Amino acid sequence: MLIAVNSKRKGGEVAYKRIPVNAMLKPYLEGITTVKWVKLDTIREKFNAVLPNHKLYDLRTTFYTHCVTCGVAESARDEMVGHSGGKLKDTYTDLPDDYLKQEAAKLIW
């Protein structure tokens, strides 16, 4: 399970999104035990060099679209991309890792 800080929170609130490592992602993470973070500008620069007609945000859109077309449950999609369901839903919903892994296993394209 990848745990990432969700940078899009109001008022500087720290929130996390959980991204299960499924069969399609796992080969790219083999042997990686530590992730060294770099500046967002550096990531954008590298991304734009490879895909000049796209924005880095397009990756998020593509991921969410694949989740929809592969039948991943809305609650799991929202958790993986860090969408807020609102105060009430966020307060009373705590999806287990096994559920997120089960839903992420549907991501095959």
PDB file of N, CA and C in Angstrom:
ATOM      1  N   MET A   1       0.852  -1.177   0.000  1.00  0.00           N
ATOM      2  CA  MET A   1       0.000   0.000   0.000  1.00  0.00           C
ATOM      3  C   MET A   1       0.893   1.233   0.000  1.00  0.00           C
ATOM      4  N   LEU A   2       0.651   2.130  -0.949  1.00  0.00           N
ATOM      5  CA  LEU A   2       1.361   3.407  -0.968  1.00  0.00           C
ATOM      6  C   LEU A   2       0.528   4.410  -0.180  1.00  0.00           C
ATOM      7  N   ILE A   3       1.179   5.147   0.689  1.00  0.00           N
ATOM      8  CA  ILE A   3       0.506   6.188   1.452  1.00  0.00           C
ATOM      9  C   ILE A   3       1.108   7.514   1.007  1.00  0.00           C
ATOM     10  N   ALA A   4       0.252   8.424   0.555  1.00  0.00           N
ATOM     11  CA  ALA A   4       0.735   9.709   0.045  1.00  0.00           C
ATOM     12  C   ALA A   4      -0.016  10.853   0.706  1.00  0.00           C
ATOM     13  N   VAL A   5       0.688  11.943   0.931  1.00  0.00           N
ATOM     14  CA  VAL A   5       0.047  13.139   1.464  1.00  0.00           C
ATOM     15  C   VAL A   5      -0.795  13.743   0.355  1.00  0.00           C
ATOM     16  N   ASN A   6      -2.027  14.047   0.672  1.00  0.00           N
ATOM     17  CA  ASN A   6      -2.917  14.685  -0.284  1.00  0.00           C
ATOM     18  C   ASN A   6      -2.687  16.188  -0.183  1.00  0.00           C
ATOM     19  N   SER A   7      -2.080  16.754  -1.193  1.00  0.00           N
ATOM     20  CA  SER A   7      -1.694  18.165  -1.140  1.00  0.00           C
ATOM     21  C   SER A   7      -2.845  19.123  -1.377  1.00  0.00           C
ATOM     22  N   LYS A   8      -4.005  18.628  -1.726  1.00  0.00           N
ATOM     23  CA  LYS A   8      -5.128  19.518  -2.045  1.00  0.00           C
ATOM     24  C   LYS A   8      -6.133  19.586  -0.900  1.00  0.00           C
ATOM     25  N   ARG A   9      -5.714  20.072   0.231  1.00  0.00           N
ATOM     26  CA  ARG A   9      -6.621  20.231   1.366  1.00  0.00           C
ATOM     27  C   ARG A   9      -6.699  21.698   1.754  1.00  0.00           C
ATOM     28  N   LYS A  10      -7.887  22.114   2.130  1.00  0.00           N
ATOM     29  CA  LYS A  10      -8.115  23.504   2.518  1.00  0.00           C
ATOM     30  C   LYS A  10      -7.474  23.806   3.860  1.00  0.00           C
ATOM     31  N   GLY A  11      -6.985  24.998   3.996  1.00  0.00           N
ATOM     32  CA  GLY A  11      -6.452  25.446   5.279  1.00  0.00           C
ATOM     33  C   GLY A  11      -5.181  24.737   5.711  1.00  0.00           C
ATOM     34  N   GLY A  12      -4.489  24.101   4.785  1.00  0.00           N
ATOM     35  CA  GLY A  12      -3.235  23.427   5.129  1.00  0.00           C
ATOM     36  C   GLY A  12      -3.412  22.136   5.920  1.00  0.00           C
ATOM     37  N   GLU A  13      -4.648  21.651   6.006  1.00  0.00           N
ATOM     38  CA  GLU A  13      -4.919  20.397   6.729  1.00  0.00           C
ATOM     39  C   GLU A  13      -4.164  19.246   6.065  1.00  0.00           C
ATOM     40  N   VAL A  14      -3.540  18.398   6.859  1.00  0.00           N
ATOM     41  CA  VAL A  14      -2.815  17.254   6.322  1.00  0.00           C
ATOM     42  C   VAL A  14      -3.767  16.071   6.224  1.00  0.00           C
ATOM     43  N   ALA A  15      -3.856  15.494   5.037  1.00  0.00           N
ATOM     44  CA  ALA A  15      -4.693  14.318   4.810  1.00  0.00           C
ATOM     45  C   ALA A  15      -3.906  13.351   3.936  1.00  0.00           C
ATOM     46  N   TYR A  16      -4.264  12.099   3.996  1.00  0.00           N
ATOM     47  CA  TYR A  16      -3.533  11.070   3.266  1.00  0.00           C
ATOM     48  C   TYR A  16      -4.462  10.312   2.327  1.00  0.00           C
ATOM     49  N   LYS A  17      -3.887   9.821   1.240  1.00  0.00           N
ATOM     50  CA  LYS A  17      -4.618   8.924   0.358  1.00  0.00           C
ATOM     51  C   LYS A  17      -3.854   7.608   0.333  1.00  0.00           C
ATOM     52  N   ARG A  18      -4.608   6.517   0.265  1.00  0.00           N
ATOM     53  CA  ARG A  18      -4.007   5.179   0.235  1.00  0.00           C
ATOM     54  C   ARG A  18      -4.185   4.609  -1.164  1.00  0.00           C
ATOM     55  N   ILE A  19      -3.070   4.182  -1.751  1.00  0.00           N
ATOM     56  CA  ILE A  19      -3.095   3.641  -3.098  1.00  0.00           C
ATOM     57  C   ILE A  19      -2.576   2.199  -3.048  1.00  0.00           C
ATOM     58  N   PRO A  20      -3.451   1.234  -3.274  1.00  0.00           N
ATOM     59  CA  PRO A  20      -3.008  -0.158  -3.246  1.00  0.00           C
ATOM     60  C   PRO A  20      -2.088  -0.460  -4.424  1.00  0.00           C
ATOM     61  N   VAL A  21      -1.103  -1.290  -4.180  1.00  0.00           N
ATOM     62  CA  VAL A  21      -0.204  -1.723  -5.245  1.00  0.00           C
ATOM     63  C   VAL A  21      -0.832  -2.957  -5.882  1.00  0.00           C
ATOM     64  N   ASN A  22      -1.322  -2.812  -7.110  1.00  0.00           N
ATOM     65  CA  ASN A  22      -1.953  -3.942  -7.779  1.00  0.00           C
ATOM     66  C   ASN A  22      -0.957  -4.598  -8.742  1.00  0.00           C
ATOM     67  N   ALA A  23      -1.407  -5.624  -9.433  1.00  0.00           N
ATOM     68  CA  ALA A  23      -0.532  -6.411 -10.312  1.00  0.00           C
ATOM     69  C   ALA A  23       0.088  -5.576 -11.434  1.00  0.00           C
ATOM     70  N   MET A  24      -0.618  -4.558 -11.913  1.00  0.00           N
ATOM     71  CA  MET A  24      -0.084  -3.739 -13.008  1.00  0.00           C
ATOM     72  C   MET A  24       0.983  -2.764 -12.519  1.00  0.00           C
ATOM     73  N   LEU A  25       0.909  -2.342 -11.269  1.00  0.00           N
ATOM     74  CA  LEU A  25       1.872  -1.391 -10.712  1.00  0.00           C
ATOM     75  C   LEU A  25       3.085  -2.087 -10.102  1.00  0.00           C
ATOM     76  N   LYS A  26       2.878  -3.262  -9.554  1.00  0.00           N
ATOM     77  CA  LYS A  26       3.919  -3.968  -8.807  1.00  0.00           C
ATOM     78  C   LYS A  26       5.241  -4.135  -9.559  1.00  0.00           C
ATOM     79  N   PRO A  27       5.257  -4.499 -10.858  1.00  0.00           N
ATOM     80  CA  PRO A  27       6.537  -4.672 -11.551  1.00  0.00           C
ATOM     81  C   PRO A  27       7.405  -3.407 -11.573  1.00  0.00           C
ATOM     82  N   TYR A  28       6.771  -2.245 -11.526  1.00  0.00           N
ATOM     83  CA  TYR A  28       7.515  -0.986 -11.558  1.00  0.00           C
ATOM     84  C   TYR A  28       8.110  -0.627 -10.196  1.00  0.00           C
ATOM     85  N   LEU A  29       7.687  -1.329  -9.168  1.00  0.00           N
ATOM     86  CA  LEU A  29       8.163  -1.043  -7.817  1.00  0.00           C
ATOM     87  C   LEU A  29       9.106  -2.113  -7.276  1.00  0.00           C
ATOM     88  N   GLU A  30       9.390  -3.137  -8.080  1.00  0.00           N
ATOM     89  CA  GLU A  30      10.275  -4.219  -7.648  1.00  0.00           C
ATOM     90  C   GLU A  30      11.627  -3.650  -7.206  1.00  0.00           C
ATOM     91  N   GLY A  31      12.065  -4.041  -6.033  1.00  0.00           N
ATOM     92  CA  GLY A  31      13.369  -3.633  -5.525  1.00  0.00           C
ATOM     93  C   GLY A  31      13.404  -2.239  -4.917  1.00  0.00           C
ATOM     94  N   ILE A  32      12.313  -1.512  -4.983  1.00  0.00           N
ATOM     95  CA  ILE A  32      12.284  -0.166  -4.408  1.00  0.00           C
ATOM     96  C   ILE A  32      11.842  -0.250  -2.953  1.00  0.00           C
ATOM     97  N   THR A  33      12.689   0.229  -2.075  1.00  0.00           N
ATOM     98  CA  THR A  33      12.349   0.216  -0.655  1.00  0.00           C
ATOM     99  C   THR A  33      12.191   1.632  -0.106  1.00  0.00           C
ATOM    100  N   THR A  34      12.799   2.589  -0.786  1.00  0.00           N
ATOM    101  CA  THR A  34      12.734   3.984  -0.357  1.00  0.00           C
ATOM    102  C   THR A  34      12.436   4.853  -1.558  1.00  0.00           C
ATOM    103  N   VAL A  35      11.561   5.808  -1.373  1.00  0.00           N
ATOM    104  CA  VAL A  35      11.248   6.754  -2.443  1.00  0.00           C
ATOM    105  C   VAL A  35      11.850   8.099  -2.052  1.00  0.00           C
ATOM    106  N   LYS A  36      12.679   8.623  -2.929  1.00  0.00           N
ATOM    107  CA  LYS A  36      13.297   9.921  -2.702  1.00  0.00           C
ATOM    108  C   LYS A  36      12.468  10.962  -3.437  1.00  0.00           C
ATOM    109  N   TRP A  37      11.916  11.880  -2.699  1.00  0.00           N
ATOM    110  CA  TRP A  37      11.056  12.884  -3.308  1.00  0.00           C
ATOM    111  C   TRP A  37      11.874  14.014  -3.900  1.00  0.00           C
ATOM    112  N   VAL A  38      11.410  14.501  -5.024  1.00  0.00           N
ATOM    113  CA  VAL A  38      12.048  15.632  -5.692  1.00  0.00           C
ATOM    114  C   VAL A  38      11.028  16.761  -5.808  1.00  0.00           C
ATOM    115  N   LYS A  39      11.491  17.916  -6.227  1.00  0.00           N
ATOM    116  CA  LYS A  39      10.591  19.066  -6.370  1.00  0.00           C
ATOM    117  C   LYS A  39       9.563  18.793  -7.462  1.00  0.00           C
ATOM    118  N   LEU A  40       8.361  19.288  -7.244  1.00  0.00           N
ATOM    119  CA  LEU A  40       7.284  19.120  -8.214  1.00  0.00           C
ATOM    120  C   LEU A  40       7.671  19.714  -9.562  1.00  0.00           C
ATOM    121  N   ASP A  41       8.380  20.837  -9.551  1.00  0.00           N
ATOM    122  CA  ASP A  41       8.814  21.465 -10.803  1.00  0.00           C
ATOM    123  C   ASP A  41       9.716  20.530 -11.612  1.00  0.00           C
ATOM    124  N   THR A  42      10.562  19.757 -10.926  1.00  0.00           N
ATOM    125  CA  THR A  42      11.442  18.806 -11.598  1.00  0.00           C
ATOM    126  C   THR A  42      10.628  17.689 -12.244  1.00  0.00           C
ATOM    127  N   ILE A  43       9.624  17.203 -11.531  1.00  0.00           N
ATOM    128  CA  ILE A  43       8.757  16.152 -12.074  1.00  0.00           C
ATOM    129  C   ILE A  43       8.019  16.677 -13.307  1.00  0.00           C
ATOM    130  N   ARG A  44       7.484  17.898 -13.200  1.00  0.00           N
ATOM    131  CA  ARG A  44       6.777  18.493 -14.344  1.00  0.00           C
ATOM    132  C   ARG A  44       7.699  18.645 -15.548  1.00  0.00           C
ATOM    133  N   GLU A  45       8.905  19.099 -15.297  1.00  0.00           N
ATOM    134  CA  GLU A  45       9.879  19.300 -16.384  1.00  0.00           C
ATOM    135  C   GLU A  45      10.168  17.987 -17.105  1.00  0.00           C
ATOM    136  N   LYS A  46      10.411  16.923 -16.355  1.00  0.00           N
ATOM    137  CA  LYS A  46      10.682  15.605 -16.951  1.00  0.00           C
ATOM    138  C   LYS A  46       9.457  15.088 -17.696  1.00  0.00           C
ATOM    139  N   PHE A  47       8.287  15.240 -17.085  1.00  0.00           N
ATOM    140  CA  PHE A  47       7.049  14.788 -17.699  1.00  0.00           C
ATOM    141  C   PHE A  47       6.815  15.510 -19.022  1.00  0.00           C
ATOM    142  N   ASN A  48       6.986  16.829 -19.020  1.00  0.00           N
ATOM    143  CA  ASN A  48       6.766  17.623 -20.228  1.00  0.00           C
ATOM    144  C   ASN A  48       7.772  17.302 -21.326  1.00  0.00           C
ATOM    145  N   ALA A  49       8.960  16.860 -20.954  1.00  0.00           N
ATOM    146  CA  ALA A  49       9.950  16.464 -21.958  1.00  0.00           C
ATOM    147  C   ALA A  49       9.502  15.199 -22.690  1.00  0.00           C
ATOM    148  N   VAL A  50       8.827  14.310 -21.968  1.00  0.00           N
ATOM    149  CA  VAL A  50       8.367  13.049 -22.557  1.00  0.00           C
ATOM    150  C   VAL A  50       7.017  13.215 -23.249  1.00  0.00           C
ATOM    151  N   LEU A  51       6.104  13.934 -22.610  1.00  0.00           N
ATOM    152  CA  LEU A  51       4.746  14.123 -23.137  1.00  0.00           C
ATOM    153  C   LEU A  51       4.424  15.625 -23.197  1.00  0.00           C
ATOM    154  N   PRO A  52       4.974  16.335 -24.181  1.00  0.00           N
ATOM    155  CA  PRO A  52       4.825  17.797 -24.224  1.00  0.00           C
ATOM    156  C   PRO A  52       3.395  18.300 -24.420  1.00  0.00           C
ATOM    157  N   ASN A  53       2.513  17.491 -24.928  1.00  0.00           N
ATOM    158  CA  ASN A  53       1.141  17.924 -25.174  1.00  0.00           C
ATOM    159  C   ASN A  53       0.184  17.567 -24.038  1.00  0.00           C
ATOM    160  N   HIS A  54       0.739  17.174 -22.892  1.00  0.00           N
ATOM    161  CA  HIS A  54      -0.085  16.778 -21.745  1.00  0.00           C
ATOM    162  C   HIS A  54       0.368  17.502 -20.494  1.00  0.00           C
ATOM    163  N   LYS A  55      -0.506  17.461 -19.491  1.00  0.00           N
ATOM    164  CA  LYS A  55      -0.193  18.017 -18.174  1.00  0.00           C
ATOM    165  C   LYS A  55      -0.016  16.858 -17.212  1.00  0.00           C
ATOM    166  N   LEU A  56       0.767  17.058 -16.180  1.00  0.00           N
ATOM    167  CA  LEU A  56       0.964  16.031 -15.165  1.00  0.00           C
ATOM    168  C   LEU A  56      -0.376  15.585 -14.579  1.00  0.00           C
ATOM    169  N   TYR A  57      -1.313  16.515 -14.460  1.00  0.00           N
ATOM    170  CA  TYR A  57      -2.637  16.210 -13.919  1.00  0.00           C
ATOM    171  C   TYR A  57      -3.371  15.183 -14.774  1.00  0.00           C
ATOM    172  N   ASP A  58      -3.009  15.075 -16.054  1.00  0.00           N
ATOM    173  CA  ASP A  58      -3.650  14.102 -16.939  1.00  0.00           C
ATOM    174  C   ASP A  58      -3.495  12.668 -16.414  1.00  0.00           C
ATOM    175  N   LEU A  59      -2.415  12.393 -15.688  1.00  0.00           N
ATOM    176  CA  LEU A  59      -2.216  11.052 -15.122  1.00  0.00           C
ATOM    177  C   LEU A  59      -3.324  10.715 -14.134  1.00  0.00           C
ATOM    178  N   ARG A  60      -3.698  11.694 -13.325  1.00  0.00           N
ATOM    179  CA  ARG A  60      -4.764  11.494 -12.346  1.00  0.00           C
ATOM    180  C   ARG A  60      -6.089  11.245 -13.064  1.00  0.00           C
ATOM    181  N   THR A  61      -6.356  12.037 -14.104  1.00  0.00           N
ATOM    182  CA  THR A  61      -7.579  11.883 -14.893  1.00  0.00           C
ATOM    183  C   THR A  61      -7.622  10.503 -15.544  1.00  0.00           C
ATOM    184  N   THR A  62      -6.508  10.083 -16.116  1.00  0.00           N
ATOM    185  CA  THR A  62      -6.438   8.770 -16.767  1.00  0.00           C
ATOM    186  C   THR A  62      -6.660   7.653 -15.753  1.00  0.00           C
ATOM    187  N   PHE A  63      -6.025   7.756 -14.580  1.00  0.00           N
ATOM    188  CA  PHE A  63      -6.198   6.749 -13.542  1.00  0.00           C
ATOM    189  C   PHE A  63      -7.666   6.655 -13.125  1.00  0.00           C
ATOM    190  N   TYR A  64      -8.290   7.790 -12.876  1.00  0.00           N
ATOM    191  CA  TYR A  64      -9.681   7.796 -12.441  1.00  0.00           C
ATOM    192  C   TYR A  64     -10.588   7.212 -13.527  1.00  0.00           C
ATOM    193  N   THR A  65     -10.308   7.551 -14.779  1.00  0.00           N
ATOM    194  CA  THR A  65     -11.089   7.014 -15.900  1.00  0.00           C
ATOM    195  C   THR A  65     -10.958   5.500 -15.974  1.00  0.00           C
ATOM    196  N   HIS A  66      -9.731   4.982 -15.816  1.00  0.00           N
ATOM    197  CA  HIS A  66      -9.541   3.526 -15.829  1.00  0.00           C
ATOM    198  C   HIS A  66     -10.272   2.873 -14.661  1.00  0.00           C
ATOM    199  N   CYS A  67     -10.280   3.530 -13.498  1.00  0.00           N
ATOM    200  CA  CYS A  67     -11.033   2.985 -12.365  1.00  0.00           C
ATOM    201  C   CYS A  67     -12.513   2.840 -12.711  1.00  0.00           C
ATOM    202  N   VAL A  68     -13.075   3.850 -13.354  1.00  0.00           N
ATOM    203  CA  VAL A  68     -14.496   3.811 -13.730  1.00  0.00           C
ATOM    204  C   VAL A  68     -14.741   2.700 -14.739  1.00  0.00           C
ATOM    205  N   THR A  69     -13.924   2.643 -15.793  1.00  0.00           N
ATOM    206  CA  THR A  69     -14.162   1.660 -16.853  1.00  0.00           C
ATOM    207  C   THR A  69     -13.874   0.229 -16.413  1.00  0.00           C
ATOM    208  N   CYS A  70     -13.060   0.071 -15.383  1.00  0.00           N
ATOM    209  CA  CYS A  70     -12.755  -1.280 -14.885  1.00  0.00           C
ATOM    210  C   CYS A  70     -13.684  -1.701 -13.749  1.00  0.00           C
ATOM    211  N   GLY A  71     -14.619  -0.836 -13.372  1.00  0.00           N
ATOM    212  CA  GLY A  71     -15.626  -1.207 -12.374  1.00  0.00           C
ATOM    213  C   GLY A  71     -15.200  -1.061 -10.933  1.00  0.00           C
ATOM    214  N   VAL A  72     -14.208  -0.229 -10.654  1.00  0.00           N
ATOM    215  CA  VAL A  72     -13.788   0.000  -9.267  1.00  0.00           C
ATOM    216  C   VAL A  72     -14.874   0.809  -8.561  1.00  0.00           C
ATOM    217  N   ALA A  73     -15.240   0.395  -7.361  1.00  0.00           N
ATOM    218  CA  ALA A  73     -16.299   1.061  -6.596  1.00  0.00           C
ATOM    219  C   ALA A  73     -15.953   2.531  -6.364  1.00  0.00           C
ATOM    220  N   GLU A  74     -16.978   3.376  -6.415  1.00  0.00           N
ATOM    221  CA  GLU A  74     -16.778   4.825  -6.258  1.00  0.00           C
ATOM    222  C   GLU A  74     -16.048   5.168  -4.962  1.00  0.00           C
ATOM    223  N   SER A  75     -16.395   4.525  -3.871  1.00  0.00           N
ATOM    224  CA  SER A  75     -15.746   4.828  -2.590  1.00  0.00           C
ATOM    225  C   SER A  75     -14.256   4.512  -2.633  1.00  0.00           C
ATOM    226  N   ALA A  76     -13.877   3.429  -3.311  1.00  0.00           N
ATOM    227  CA  ALA A  76     -12.463   3.063  -3.436  1.00  0.00           C
ATOM    228  C   ALA A  76     -11.738   4.040  -4.353  1.00  0.00           C
ATOM    229  N   ARG A  77     -12.377   4.408  -5.459  1.00  0.00           N
ATOM    230  CA  ARG A  77     -11.788   5.407  -6.378  1.00  0.00           C
ATOM    231  C   ARG A  77     -11.485   6.691  -5.629  1.00  0.00           C
ATOM    232  N   ASP A  78     -12.476   7.167  -4.894  1.00  0.00           N
ATOM    233  CA  ASP A  78     -12.318   8.426  -4.168  1.00  0.00           C
ATOM    234  C   ASP A  78     -11.191   8.346  -3.142  1.00  0.00           C
ATOM    235  N   GLU A  79     -11.090   7.241  -2.456  1.00  0.00           N
ATOM    236  CA  GLU A  79     -10.021   7.060  -1.453  1.00  0.00           C
ATOM    237  C   GLU A  79      -8.655   7.071  -2.122  1.00  0.00           C
ATOM    238  N   MET A  80      -8.536   6.380  -3.263  1.00  0.00           N
ATOM    239  CA  MET A  80      -7.241   6.271  -3.942  1.00  0.00           C
ATOM    240  C   MET A  80      -6.759   7.593  -4.537  1.00  0.00           C
ATOM    241  N   VAL A  81      -7.681   8.428  -4.982  1.00  0.00           N
ATOM    242  CA  VAL A  81      -7.268   9.712  -5.567  1.00  0.00           C
ATOM    243  C   VAL A  81      -7.346  10.848  -4.554  1.00  0.00           C
ATOM    244  N   GLY A  82      -7.831  10.559  -3.346  1.00  0.00           N
ATOM    245  CA  GLY A  82      -7.854  11.571  -2.298  1.00  0.00           C
ATOM    246  C   GLY A  82      -9.033  12.516  -2.352  1.00  0.00           C
ATOM    247  N   HIS A  83     -10.132  12.105  -3.010  1.00  0.00           N
ATOM    248  CA  HIS A  83     -11.328  12.942  -3.032  1.00  0.00           C
ATOM    249  C   HIS A  83     -11.987  12.924  -1.662  1.00  0.00           C
ATOM    250  N   SER A  84     -12.504  14.043  -1.281  1.00  0.00           N
ATOM    251  CA  SER A  84     -13.237  14.146  -0.028  1.00  0.00           C
ATOM    252  C   SER A  84     -14.701  13.848  -0.292  1.00  0.00           C
ATOM    253  N   GLY A  85     -15.318  13.099   0.594  1.00  0.00           N
ATOM    254  CA  GLY A  85     -16.744  12.805   0.467  1.00  0.00           C
ATOM    255  C   GLY A  85     -17.566  13.774   1.290  1.00  0.00           C
ATOM    256  N   GLY A  86     -16.915  14.751   1.879  1.00  0.00           N
ATOM    257  CA  GLY A  86     -17.594  15.676   2.775  1.00  0.00           C
ATOM    258  C   GLY A  86     -17.353  15.245   4.212  1.00  0.00           C
ATOM    259  N   LYS A  87     -17.555  16.159   5.130  1.00  0.00           N
ATOM    260  CA  LYS A  87     -17.252  15.906   6.554  1.00  0.00           C
ATOM    261  C   LYS A  87     -17.960  14.667   7.094  1.00  0.00           C
ATOM    262  N   LEU A  88     -19.248  14.543   6.828  1.00  0.00           N
ATOM    263  CA  LEU A  88     -20.010  13.423   7.383  1.00  0.00           C
ATOM    264  C   LEU A  88     -19.506  12.094   6.832  1.00  0.00           C
ATOM    265  N   LYS A  89     -19.399  12.008   5.501  1.00  0.00           N
ATOM    266  CA  LYS A  89     -18.952  10.762   4.880  1.00  0.00           C
ATOM    267  C   LYS A  89     -17.524  10.419   5.318  1.00  0.00           C
ATOM    268  N   ASP A  90     -16.624  11.417   5.331  1.00  0.00           N
ATOM    269  CA  ASP A  90     -15.237  11.173   5.723  1.00  0.00           C
ATOM    270  C   ASP A  90     -15.132  10.744   7.183  1.00  0.00           C
ATOM    271  N   THR A  91     -16.008  11.273   8.036  1.00  0.00           N
ATOM    272  CA  THR A  91     -15.977  10.941   9.458  1.00  0.00           C
ATOM    273  C   THR A  91     -16.415   9.503   9.710  1.00  0.00           C
ATOM    274  N   TYR A  92     -17.415   9.042   8.968  1.00  0.00           N
ATOM    275  CA  TYR A  92     -17.998   7.728   9.250  1.00  0.00           C
ATOM    276  C   TYR A  92     -17.555   6.612   8.302  1.00  0.00           C
ATOM    277  N   THR A  93     -16.671   6.922   7.373  1.00  0.00           N
ATOM    278  CA  THR A  93     -16.213   5.908   6.430  1.00  0.00           C
ATOM    279  C   THR A  93     -14.725   5.663   6.622  1.00  0.00           C
ATOM    280  N   ASP A  94     -14.372   4.417   6.876  1.00  0.00           N
ATOM    281  CA  ASP A  94     -12.968   4.028   7.031  1.00  0.00           C
ATOM    282  C   ASP A  94     -12.789   2.701   6.284  1.00  0.00           C
ATOM    283  N   LEU A  95     -12.407   2.802   5.024  1.00  0.00           N
ATOM    284  CA  LEU A  95     -12.295   1.607   4.187  1.00  0.00           C
ATOM    285  C   LEU A  95     -11.048   0.805   4.550  1.00  0.00           C
ATOM    286  N   PRO A  96     -11.192  -0.502   4.770  1.00  0.00           N
ATOM    287  CA  PRO A  96     -10.033  -1.332   5.105  1.00  0.00           C
ATOM    288  C   PRO A  96      -9.112  -1.526   3.896  1.00  0.00           C
ATOM    289  N   ASP A  97      -7.833  -1.720   4.173  1.00  0.00           N
ATOM    290  CA  ASP A  97      -6.841  -1.932   3.115  1.00  0.00           C
ATOM    291  C   ASP A  97      -7.212  -3.109   2.221  1.00  0.00           C
ATOM    292  N   ASP A  98      -7.729  -4.189   2.806  1.00  0.00           N
ATOM    293  CA  ASP A  98      -8.092  -5.370   2.002  1.00  0.00           C
ATOM    294  C   ASP A  98      -9.159  -5.030   0.961  1.00  0.00           C
ATOM    295  N   TYR A  99     -10.102  -4.185   1.339  1.00  0.00           N
ATOM    296  CA  TYR A  99     -11.144  -3.765   0.401  1.00  0.00           C
ATOM    297  C   TYR A  99     -10.530  -2.960  -0.740  1.00  0.00           C
ATOM    298  N   LEU A 100      -9.642  -2.015  -0.407  1.00  0.00           N
ATOM    299  CA  LEU A 100      -9.003  -1.202  -1.448  1.00  0.00           C
ATOM    300  C   LEU A 100      -8.159  -2.074  -2.378  1.00  0.00           C
ATOM    301  N   LYS A 101      -7.468  -3.059  -1.823  1.00  0.00           N
ATOM    302  CA  LYS A 101      -6.668  -3.978  -2.656  1.00  0.00           C
ATOM    303  C   LYS A 101      -7.572  -4.793  -3.583  1.00  0.00           C
ATOM    304  N   GLN A 102      -8.703  -5.241  -3.063  1.00  0.00           N
ATOM    305  CA  GLN A 102      -9.667  -6.007  -3.865  1.00  0.00           C
ATOM    306  C   GLN A 102     -10.179  -5.152  -5.027  1.00  0.00           C
ATOM    307  N   GLU A 103     -10.494  -3.909  -4.760  1.00  0.00           N
ATOM    308  CA  GLU A 103     -10.983  -3.016  -5.814  1.00  0.00           C
ATOM    309  C   GLU A 103      -9.877  -2.678  -6.800  1.00  0.00           C
ATOM    310  N   ALA A 104      -8.657  -2.460  -6.311  1.00  0.00           N
ATOM    311  CA  ALA A 104      -7.532  -2.137  -7.195  1.00  0.00           C
ATOM    312  C   ALA A 104      -7.187  -3.302  -8.114  1.00  0.00           C
ATOM    313  N   ALA A 105      -7.483  -4.518  -7.690  1.00  0.00           N
ATOM    314  CA  ALA A 105      -7.217  -5.692  -8.523  1.00  0.00           C
ATOM    315  C   ALA A 105      -8.058  -5.676  -9.797  1.00  0.00           C
ATOM    316  N   LYS A 106      -9.122  -4.887  -9.810  1.00  0.00           N
ATOM    317  CA  LYS A 106      -9.972  -4.764 -11.005  1.00  0.00           C
ATOM    318  C   LYS A 106      -9.310  -3.935 -12.101  1.00  0.00           C
ATOM    319  N   LEU A 107      -8.259  -3.206 -11.737  1.00  0.00           N
ATOM    320  CA  LEU A 107      -7.574  -2.329 -12.706  1.00  0.00           C
ATOM    321  C   LEU A 107      -6.676  -3.144 -13.638  1.00  0.00           C
ATOM    322  N   ILE A 108      -7.274  -3.582 -14.721  1.00  0.00           N
ATOM    323  CA  ILE A 108      -6.534  -4.339 -15.750  1.00  0.00           C
ATOM    324  C   ILE A 108      -6.978  -3.775 -17.089  1.00  0.00           C
ATOM    325  N   TRP A 109      -6.016  -3.249 -17.853  1.00  0.00           N
ATOM    326  CA  TRP A 109      -6.332  -2.742 -19.186  1.00  0.00           C
ATOM    327  C   TRP A 109      -5.181  -2.957 -20.114  1.00  0.00           C
TER     328      TRP A 109
END
